[in-house]
């Protein structure tokens, strides 16, 4: 019986790249059959329908329309941890991790995805666009929350001793909704006090989430209590604003 470990959940980023030459992927996403179904559903839609689905401008829609037409879920893949761009991933800086940090993330981290469900760091992915709150408005497929159901949560909670929630609400609720009573979960809140009230600013929070993943990987964090030692990006743990389920860090 394998030892239980702390699990970390983070959100994906809209912008993606292909970096298969930097590090090879070592596995395929566990829900690839469900991803193939979503791909087929999108291939049945025309350009206008897809642009409406993605809610984006013409340049992004055209890029992703071409991706859908040519997408191969088994070739030219990039490890998920390197495939996403964005503020959180910039401050995580996974491209310069050492082998021990990669090994830690491989055992602890899940990237949540509307297209792939739950991704391990070295699962091979291809660039896509599909946010979790997207609605297809089909009889056989409408809400992605309903489509994925408990499957993402079951994957994350397998062998889980506790969970660190570093994902946005859009993604985290796919997992926290199904949280078992015997698994402790801490949501990290990165904010500042304005007129005596706690405010969380998106850009700074994304920076801190990325830094927290890096901190956990470098320190090999295994206990929720150890998160309180995080002191990067000007943040420090604020005990007076925190409770067992929410660790608040102020800057």
C-alpha atoms as a PDB file:
ATOM      1  CA  UNK A   1       0.000   0.000   0.000  1.00  0.00           C
ATOM      2  CA  UNK A   2       1.522   3.318  -1.108  1.00  0.00           C
ATOM      3  CA  UNK A   3       2.074   6.113   1.401  1.00  0.00           C
ATOM      4  CA  UNK A   4      -0.431   8.974   1.345  1.00  0.00           C
ATOM      5  CA  UNK A   5       0.855  12.379   0.275  1.00  0.00           C
ATOM      6  CA  UNK A   6      -0.148  16.018   0.379  1.00  0.00           C
ATOM      7  CA  UNK A   7      -1.838  17.041  -2.879  1.00  0.00           C
ATOM      8  CA  UNK A   8      -1.727  20.484  -4.496  1.00  0.00           C
ATOM      9  CA  UNK A   9      -4.292  21.737  -7.016  1.00  0.00           C
ATOM     10  CA  UNK A  10      -3.694  24.674  -9.356  1.00  0.00           C
ATOM     11  CA  UNK A  11      -5.528  26.218 -12.301  1.00  0.00           C
ATOM     12  CA  UNK A  12      -4.339  26.017 -15.909  1.00  0.00           C
ATOM     13  CA  UNK A  13      -3.547  29.112 -17.999  1.00  0.00           C
ATOM     14  CA  UNK A  14      -5.280  30.185 -21.203  1.00  0.00           C
ATOM     15  CA  UNK A  15      -2.014  30.706 -23.078  1.00  0.00           C
ATOM     16  CA  UNK A  16      -0.074  27.575 -23.973  1.00  0.00           C
ATOM     17  CA  UNK A  17       3.054  26.573 -25.858  1.00  0.00           C
ATOM     18  CA  UNK A  18       4.838  23.537 -27.226  1.00  0.00           C
ATOM     19  CA  UNK A  19       8.146  22.714 -25.515  1.00  0.00           C
ATOM     20  CA  UNK A  20       8.510  19.013 -26.065  1.00  0.00           C
ATOM     21  CA  UNK A  21      12.245  19.403 -26.725  1.00  0.00           C
ATOM     22  CA  UNK A  22      12.991  20.859 -23.276  1.00  0.00           C
ATOM     23  CA  UNK A  23      11.784  17.842 -21.310  1.00  0.00           C
ATOM     24  CA  UNK A  24       9.887  14.791 -22.575  1.00  0.00           C
ATOM     25  CA  UNK A  25       6.497  13.833 -21.237  1.00  0.00           C
ATOM     26  CA  UNK A  26       6.479  10.581 -19.275  1.00  0.00           C
ATOM     27  CA  UNK A  27       2.760   9.769 -19.225  1.00  0.00           C
ATOM     28  CA  UNK A  28      -0.575  10.494 -20.877  1.00  0.00           C
ATOM     29  CA  UNK A  29      -3.543  12.149 -19.161  1.00  0.00           C
ATOM     30  CA  UNK A  30      -5.678   9.657 -17.261  1.00  0.00           C
ATOM     31  CA  UNK A  31      -8.951  10.878 -18.815  1.00  0.00           C
ATOM     32  CA  UNK A  32      -7.800  10.905 -22.434  1.00  0.00           C
ATOM     33  CA  UNK A  33     -10.951   9.121 -23.639  1.00  0.00           C
ATOM     34  CA  UNK A  34     -13.120  11.908 -22.184  1.00  0.00           C
ATOM     35  CA  UNK A  35     -10.818  14.507 -23.735  1.00  0.00           C
ATOM     36  CA  UNK A  36     -11.223  12.788 -27.114  1.00  0.00           C
ATOM     37  CA  UNK A  37     -15.005  13.074 -26.715  1.00  0.00           C
ATOM     38  CA  UNK A  38     -14.765  16.823 -26.006  1.00  0.00           C
ATOM     39  CA  UNK A  39     -12.500  17.234 -29.024  1.00  0.00           C
ATOM     40  CA  UNK A  40     -15.012  15.432 -31.232  1.00  0.00           C
ATOM     41  CA  UNK A  41     -17.818  17.672 -29.945  1.00  0.00           C
ATOM     42  CA  UNK A  42     -15.800  20.775 -30.834  1.00  0.00           C
ATOM     43  CA  UNK A  43     -14.953  19.384 -34.277  1.00  0.00           C
ATOM     44  CA  UNK A  44     -18.674  19.146 -34.981  1.00  0.00           C
ATOM     45  CA  UNK A  45     -19.013  22.919 -34.466  1.00  0.00           C
ATOM     46  CA  UNK A  46     -18.358  25.608 -37.081  1.00  0.00           C
ATOM     47  CA  UNK A  47     -16.049  28.591 -36.624  1.00  0.00           C
ATOM     48  CA  UNK A  48     -18.759  30.962 -35.388  1.00  0.00           C
ATOM     49  CA  UNK A  49     -20.039  28.436 -32.851  1.00  0.00           C
ATOM     50  CA  UNK A  50     -16.524  27.812 -31.552  1.00  0.00           C
ATOM     51  CA  UNK A  51     -15.731  31.510 -31.248  1.00  0.00           C
ATOM     52  CA  UNK A  52     -18.922  31.926 -29.248  1.00  0.00           C
ATOM     53  CA  UNK A  53     -17.943  28.916 -27.123  1.00  0.00           C
ATOM     54  CA  UNK A  54     -14.491  30.352 -26.438  1.00  0.00           C
ATOM     55  CA  UNK A  55     -15.678  33.972 -26.073  1.00  0.00           C
ATOM     56  CA  UNK A  56     -12.529  35.381 -27.654  1.00  0.00           C
ATOM     57  CA  UNK A  57     -11.373  37.674 -30.453  1.00  0.00           C
ATOM     58  CA  UNK A  58     -10.829  36.627 -34.088  1.00  0.00           C
ATOM     59  CA  UNK A  59      -7.071  36.120 -33.764  1.00  0.00           C
ATOM     60  CA  UNK A  60      -7.395  33.700 -30.827  1.00  0.00           C
ATOM     61  CA  UNK A  61     -10.438  31.999 -32.371  1.00  0.00           C
ATOM     62  CA  UNK A  62      -8.613  31.410 -35.672  1.00  0.00           C
ATOM     63  CA  UNK A  63      -5.578  29.992 -33.878  1.00  0.00           C
ATOM     64  CA  UNK A  64      -7.677  27.579 -31.857  1.00  0.00           C
ATOM     65  CA  UNK A  65      -9.935  26.683 -34.787  1.00  0.00           C
ATOM     66  CA  UNK A  66      -6.806  25.487 -36.605  1.00  0.00           C
ATOM     67  CA  UNK A  67      -5.684  23.630 -33.491  1.00  0.00           C
ATOM     68  CA  UNK A  68      -8.995  21.766 -33.322  1.00  0.00           C
ATOM     69  CA  UNK A  69      -8.780  20.731 -36.964  1.00  0.00           C
ATOM     70  CA  UNK A  70      -5.216  19.400 -36.630  1.00  0.00           C
ATOM     71  CA  UNK A  71      -5.152  18.248 -33.021  1.00  0.00           C
ATOM     72  CA  UNK A  72      -3.532  14.914 -32.192  1.00  0.00           C
ATOM     73  CA  UNK A  73      -3.799  13.955 -28.524  1.00  0.00           C
ATOM     74  CA  UNK A  74      -0.943  11.464 -28.811  1.00  0.00           C
ATOM     75  CA  UNK A  75       1.762  13.312 -30.769  1.00  0.00           C
ATOM     76  CA  UNK A  76       3.940  16.427 -30.360  1.00  0.00           C
ATOM     77  CA  UNK A  77       3.129  16.611 -26.676  1.00  0.00           C
ATOM     78  CA  UNK A  78       4.572  18.859 -23.973  1.00  0.00           C
ATOM     79  CA  UNK A  79       4.689  18.044 -20.246  1.00  0.00           C
ATOM     80  CA  UNK A  80       1.735  19.865 -18.674  1.00  0.00           C
ATOM     81  CA  UNK A  81       3.946  21.707 -16.174  1.00  0.00           C
ATOM     82  CA  UNK A  82       5.806  23.369 -19.083  1.00  0.00           C
ATOM     83  CA  UNK A  83       2.890  23.752 -21.483  1.00  0.00           C
ATOM     84  CA  UNK A  84       1.038  26.549 -19.692  1.00  0.00           C
ATOM     85  CA  UNK A  85       2.105  30.182 -19.744  1.00  0.00           C
ATOM     86  CA  UNK A  86       0.803  32.952 -17.519  1.00  0.00           C
ATOM     87  CA  UNK A  87       1.674  34.782 -14.325  1.00  0.00           C
ATOM     88  CA  UNK A  88       1.340  31.804 -11.986  1.00  0.00           C
ATOM     89  CA  UNK A  89       3.568  29.608 -14.150  1.00  0.00           C
ATOM     90  CA  UNK A  90       6.105  32.412 -14.661  1.00  0.00           C
ATOM     91  CA  UNK A  91       6.574  32.741 -10.898  1.00  0.00           C
ATOM     92  CA  UNK A  92       6.637  28.987 -10.446  1.00  0.00           C
ATOM     93  CA  UNK A  93       9.485  28.829 -13.031  1.00  0.00           C
ATOM     94  CA  UNK A  94       9.218  25.062 -13.597  1.00  0.00           C
ATOM     95  CA  UNK A  95      11.719  25.085 -16.472  1.00  0.00           C
ATOM     96  CA  UNK A  96      14.608  25.593 -14.028  1.00  0.00           C
ATOM     97  CA  UNK A  97      13.577  23.105 -11.316  1.00  0.00           C
ATOM     98  CA  UNK A  98      16.068  20.456 -10.251  1.00  0.00           C
ATOM     99  CA  UNK A  99      15.276  16.750 -10.437  1.00  0.00           C
ATOM    100  CA  UNK A 100      14.227  16.529  -6.790  1.00  0.00           C
ATOM    101  CA  UNK A 101      11.715  19.356  -7.238  1.00  0.00           C
ATOM    102  CA  UNK A 102      10.312  17.713 -10.376  1.00  0.00           C
ATOM    103  CA  UNK A 103       9.985  14.449  -8.464  1.00  0.00           C
ATOM    104  CA  UNK A 104       8.139  16.242  -5.658  1.00  0.00           C
ATOM    105  CA  UNK A 105       5.682  17.862  -8.076  1.00  0.00           C
ATOM    106  CA  UNK A 106       5.139  14.577  -9.889  1.00  0.00           C
ATOM    107  CA  UNK A 107       3.932  13.046  -6.606  1.00  0.00           C
ATOM    108  CA  UNK A 108       1.983  16.027  -5.279  1.00  0.00           C
ATOM    109  CA  UNK A 109       0.699  18.371  -7.998  1.00  0.00           C
ATOM    110  CA  UNK A 110      -2.451  18.307 -10.122  1.00  0.00           C
ATOM    111  CA  UNK A 111      -3.270  20.883 -12.777  1.00  0.00           C
ATOM    112  CA  UNK A 112      -7.044  21.058 -13.247  1.00  0.00           C
ATOM    113  CA  UNK A 113      -8.337  21.428 -16.802  1.00  0.00           C
ATOM    114  CA  UNK A 114     -11.680  21.776 -18.548  1.00  0.00           C
ATOM    115  CA  UNK A 115     -10.291  19.759 -21.476  1.00  0.00           C
ATOM    116  CA  UNK A 116      -8.113  17.149 -19.747  1.00  0.00           C
ATOM    117  CA  UNK A 117      -9.733  16.938 -16.310  1.00  0.00           C
ATOM    118  CA  UNK A 118      -6.825  16.329 -13.934  1.00  0.00           C
ATOM    119  CA  UNK A 119      -3.225  16.528 -15.155  1.00  0.00           C
ATOM    120  CA  UNK A 120      -0.048  15.286 -13.542  1.00  0.00           C
ATOM    121  CA  UNK A 121       2.995  17.510 -14.237  1.00  0.00           C
ATOM    122  CA  UNK A 122       4.552  15.210 -16.819  1.00  0.00           C
ATOM    123  CA  UNK A 123       1.385  14.191 -18.627  1.00  0.00           C
ATOM    124  CA  UNK A 124       1.793  15.068 -22.292  1.00  0.00           C
ATOM    125  CA  UNK A 125      -0.631  17.719 -23.542  1.00  0.00           C
ATOM    126  CA  UNK A 126      -1.242  19.735 -26.674  1.00  0.00           C
ATOM    127  CA  UNK A 127      -2.342  23.399 -26.772  1.00  0.00           C
ATOM    128  CA  UNK A 128      -6.105  23.857 -26.455  1.00  0.00           C
ATOM    129  CA  UNK A 129      -8.676  26.401 -25.306  1.00  0.00           C
ATOM    130  CA  UNK A 130     -11.520  25.253 -23.077  1.00  0.00           C
ATOM    131  CA  UNK A 131     -12.302  26.866 -19.740  1.00  0.00           C
ATOM    132  CA  UNK A 132     -14.089  24.906 -17.038  1.00  0.00           C
ATOM    133  CA  UNK A 133     -17.092  27.254 -16.949  1.00  0.00           C
ATOM    134  CA  UNK A 134     -17.726  26.807 -20.694  1.00  0.00           C
ATOM    135  CA  UNK A 135     -21.212  25.588 -21.660  1.00  0.00           C
ATOM    136  CA  UNK A 136     -21.808  23.556 -24.816  1.00  0.00           C
ATOM    137  CA  UNK A 137     -25.630  23.727 -24.799  1.00  0.00           C
ATOM    138  CA  UNK A 138     -25.984  20.228 -26.259  1.00  0.00           C
ATOM    139  CA  UNK A 139     -28.397  17.543 -25.102  1.00  0.00           C
ATOM    140  CA  UNK A 140     -25.505  15.149 -24.467  1.00  0.00           C
ATOM    141  CA  UNK A 141     -23.103  17.811 -23.184  1.00  0.00           C
ATOM    142  CA  UNK A 142     -23.802  21.120 -21.482  1.00  0.00           C
ATOM    143  CA  UNK A 143     -21.903  22.004 -18.300  1.00  0.00           C
ATOM    144  CA  UNK A 144     -18.317  20.772 -17.968  1.00  0.00           C
ATOM    145  CA  UNK A 145     -18.860  20.588 -14.216  1.00  0.00           C
ATOM    146  CA  UNK A 146     -21.542  17.974 -14.865  1.00  0.00           C
ATOM    147  CA  UNK A 147     -19.434  16.295 -17.555  1.00  0.00           C
ATOM    148  CA  UNK A 148     -16.495  15.762 -15.203  1.00  0.00           C
ATOM    149  CA  UNK A 149     -18.649  15.140 -12.108  1.00  0.00           C
ATOM    150  CA  UNK A 150     -16.663  13.471  -9.306  1.00  0.00           C
ATOM    151  CA  UNK A 151     -13.998  12.017 -11.604  1.00  0.00           C
ATOM    152  CA  UNK A 152     -11.446  14.827 -11.139  1.00  0.00           C
ATOM    153  CA  UNK A 153     -11.930  14.848  -7.358  1.00  0.00           C
ATOM    154  CA  UNK A 154     -11.618  11.056  -7.120  1.00  0.00           C
ATOM    155  CA  UNK A 155      -8.322  11.220  -8.990  1.00  0.00           C
ATOM    156  CA  UNK A 156      -6.922  13.954  -6.742  1.00  0.00           C
ATOM    157  CA  UNK A 157      -8.080  12.361  -3.488  1.00  0.00           C
ATOM    158  CA  UNK A 158      -6.636   8.931  -4.234  1.00  0.00           C
ATOM    159  CA  UNK A 159      -3.756   8.472  -1.788  1.00  0.00           C
ATOM    160  CA  UNK A 160      -4.288  11.980  -0.403  1.00  0.00           C
ATOM    161  CA  UNK A 161      -3.298  12.892   3.163  1.00  0.00           C
ATOM    162  CA  UNK A 162      -4.333  16.548   2.807  1.00  0.00           C
ATOM    163  CA  UNK A 163      -4.884  19.124   0.095  1.00  0.00           C
ATOM    164  CA  UNK A 164      -3.483  22.571  -0.654  1.00  0.00           C
ATOM    165  CA  UNK A 165      -5.888  24.596  -2.777  1.00  0.00           C
ATOM    166  CA  UNK A 166      -4.017  27.073  -4.975  1.00  0.00           C
ATOM    167  CA  UNK A 167      -6.639  27.050  -7.746  1.00  0.00           C
ATOM    168  CA  UNK A 168      -9.199  29.691  -8.660  1.00  0.00           C
ATOM    169  CA  UNK A 169     -12.799  29.086  -7.570  1.00  0.00           C
ATOM    170  CA  UNK A 170     -13.747  28.244 -11.171  1.00  0.00           C
ATOM    171  CA  UNK A 171     -11.491  25.190 -10.987  1.00  0.00           C
ATOM    172  CA  UNK A 172     -11.208  24.373  -7.289  1.00  0.00           C
ATOM    173  CA  UNK A 173     -14.919  23.695  -6.895  1.00  0.00           C
ATOM    174  CA  UNK A 174     -14.531  20.649  -9.178  1.00  0.00           C
ATOM    175  CA  UNK A 175     -12.600  19.132  -6.287  1.00  0.00           C
ATOM    176  CA  UNK A 176     -13.619  20.863  -3.038  1.00  0.00           C
ATOM    177  CA  UNK A 177     -17.295  20.093  -3.687  1.00  0.00           C
ATOM    178  CA  UNK A 178     -16.477  16.409  -3.152  1.00  0.00           C
ATOM    179  CA  UNK A 179     -13.954  16.801  -0.303  1.00  0.00           C
ATOM    180  CA  UNK A 180     -14.083  13.753   2.022  1.00  0.00           C
ATOM    181  CA  UNK A 181     -14.510  14.552   5.719  1.00  0.00           C
ATOM    182  CA  UNK A 182     -11.287  12.765   6.633  1.00  0.00           C
ATOM    183  CA  UNK A 183      -9.063  14.821   4.296  1.00  0.00           C
ATOM    184  CA  UNK A 184      -8.013  18.266   5.581  1.00  0.00           C
ATOM    185  CA  UNK A 185      -7.947  21.018   2.967  1.00  0.00           C
ATOM    186  CA  UNK A 186      -6.342  24.443   3.180  1.00  0.00           C
ATOM    187  CA  UNK A 187      -7.098  27.240   0.728  1.00  0.00           C
ATOM    188  CA  UNK A 188      -4.270  29.766   0.496  1.00  0.00           C
ATOM    189  CA  UNK A 189      -5.470  33.376   0.311  1.00  0.00           C
ATOM    190  CA  UNK A 190      -2.990  36.057  -0.752  1.00  0.00           C
ATOM    191  CA  UNK A 191      -4.257  39.530   0.012  1.00  0.00           C
ATOM    192  CA  UNK A 192      -3.718  42.912   1.560  1.00  0.00           C
ATOM    193  CA  UNK A 193      -5.609  45.027   4.051  1.00  0.00           C
ATOM    194  CA  UNK A 194      -7.420  48.032   2.572  1.00  0.00           C
ATOM    195  CA  UNK A 195      -9.422  50.123   5.020  1.00  0.00           C
ATOM    196  CA  UNK A 196      -9.282  47.228   7.445  1.00  0.00           C
ATOM    197  CA  UNK A 197     -10.733  44.761   4.941  1.00  0.00           C
ATOM    198  CA  UNK A 198      -8.989  41.808   3.299  1.00  0.00           C
ATOM    199  CA  UNK A 199      -8.695  42.267  -0.474  1.00  0.00           C
ATOM    200  CA  UNK A 200      -7.210  39.777  -2.918  1.00  0.00           C
ATOM    201  CA  UNK A 201      -5.814  41.245  -6.151  1.00  0.00           C
ATOM    202  CA  UNK A 202      -5.736  38.849  -9.081  1.00  0.00           C
ATOM    203  CA  UNK A 203      -2.275  39.521 -10.480  1.00  0.00           C
ATOM    204  CA  UNK A 204      -0.519  39.473  -7.102  1.00  0.00           C
ATOM    205  CA  UNK A 205      -2.452  36.373  -6.038  1.00  0.00           C
ATOM    206  CA  UNK A 206      -1.371  34.518  -9.200  1.00  0.00           C
ATOM    207  CA  UNK A 207       2.245  35.514  -8.578  1.00  0.00           C
ATOM    208  CA  UNK A 208       2.028  34.223  -5.008  1.00  0.00           C
ATOM    209  CA  UNK A 209       0.357  30.954  -6.021  1.00  0.00           C
ATOM    210  CA  UNK A 210       3.206  30.234  -8.410  1.00  0.00           C
ATOM    211  CA  UNK A 211       5.764  31.128  -5.751  1.00  0.00           C
ATOM    212  CA  UNK A 212       3.983  28.881  -3.251  1.00  0.00           C
ATOM    213  CA  UNK A 213       4.238  25.874  -5.586  1.00  0.00           C
ATOM    214  CA  UNK A 214       7.959  26.581  -6.007  1.00  0.00           C
ATOM    215  CA  UNK A 215       8.364  26.990  -2.226  1.00  0.00           C
ATOM    216  CA  UNK A 216       6.645  23.655  -1.600  1.00  0.00           C
ATOM    217  CA  UNK A 217       8.730  21.862  -4.225  1.00  0.00           C
ATOM    218  CA  UNK A 218      12.026  23.289  -2.965  1.00  0.00           C
ATOM    219  CA  UNK A 219      11.231  22.660   0.713  1.00  0.00           C
ATOM    220  CA  UNK A 220       9.586  19.272   0.045  1.00  0.00           C
ATOM    221  CA  UNK A 221       6.550  20.300   2.114  1.00  0.00           C
ATOM    222  CA  UNK A 222       4.564  17.360   3.520  1.00  0.00           C
ATOM    223  CA  UNK A 223       2.540  19.000   6.321  1.00  0.00           C
ATOM    224  CA  UNK A 224      -0.070  21.757   5.949  1.00  0.00           C
ATOM    225  CA  UNK A 225       1.389  23.533   8.973  1.00  0.00           C
ATOM    226  CA  UNK A 226       4.653  24.057   7.062  1.00  0.00           C
ATOM    227  CA  UNK A 227       2.885  26.364   4.596  1.00  0.00           C
ATOM    228  CA  UNK A 228       2.866  29.063   7.269  1.00  0.00           C
ATOM    229  CA  UNK A 229       6.607  29.542   6.722  1.00  0.00           C
ATOM    230  CA  UNK A 230       6.009  30.980   3.228  1.00  0.00           C
ATOM    231  CA  UNK A 231       7.384  34.517   3.040  1.00  0.00           C
ATOM    232  CA  UNK A 232       7.937  35.360  -0.629  1.00  0.00           C
ATOM    233  CA  UNK A 233       6.630  38.178  -2.862  1.00  0.00           C
ATOM    234  CA  UNK A 234       6.344  40.327   0.265  1.00  0.00           C
ATOM    235  CA  UNK A 235       3.758  38.025   1.874  1.00  0.00           C
ATOM    236  CA  UNK A 236       3.733  36.656   5.407  1.00  0.00           C
ATOM    237  CA  UNK A 237       1.339  34.350   7.216  1.00  0.00           C
ATOM    238  CA  UNK A 238      -1.375  36.254   9.111  1.00  0.00           C
ATOM    239  CA  UNK A 239      -2.606  34.031  11.949  1.00  0.00           C
ATOM    240  CA  UNK A 240      -5.276  36.508  13.054  1.00  0.00           C
ATOM    241  CA  UNK A 241      -6.984  36.331   9.636  1.00  0.00           C
ATOM    242  CA  UNK A 242      -6.575  32.571   9.184  1.00  0.00           C
ATOM    243  CA  UNK A 243      -8.413  29.461  10.315  1.00  0.00           C
ATOM    244  CA  UNK A 244      -8.043  25.710   9.780  1.00  0.00           C
ATOM    245  CA  UNK A 245      -9.444  25.878   6.251  1.00  0.00           C
ATOM    246  CA  UNK A 246      -8.007  29.183   5.068  1.00  0.00           C
ATOM    247  CA  UNK A 247      -4.397  30.275   5.420  1.00  0.00           C
ATOM    248  CA  UNK A 248      -4.229  34.026   4.812  1.00  0.00           C
ATOM    249  CA  UNK A 249      -0.994  35.665   3.698  1.00  0.00           C
ATOM    250  CA  UNK A 250      -0.743  39.459   3.720  1.00  0.00           C
ATOM    251  CA  UNK A 251       1.604  41.785   1.866  1.00  0.00           C
END
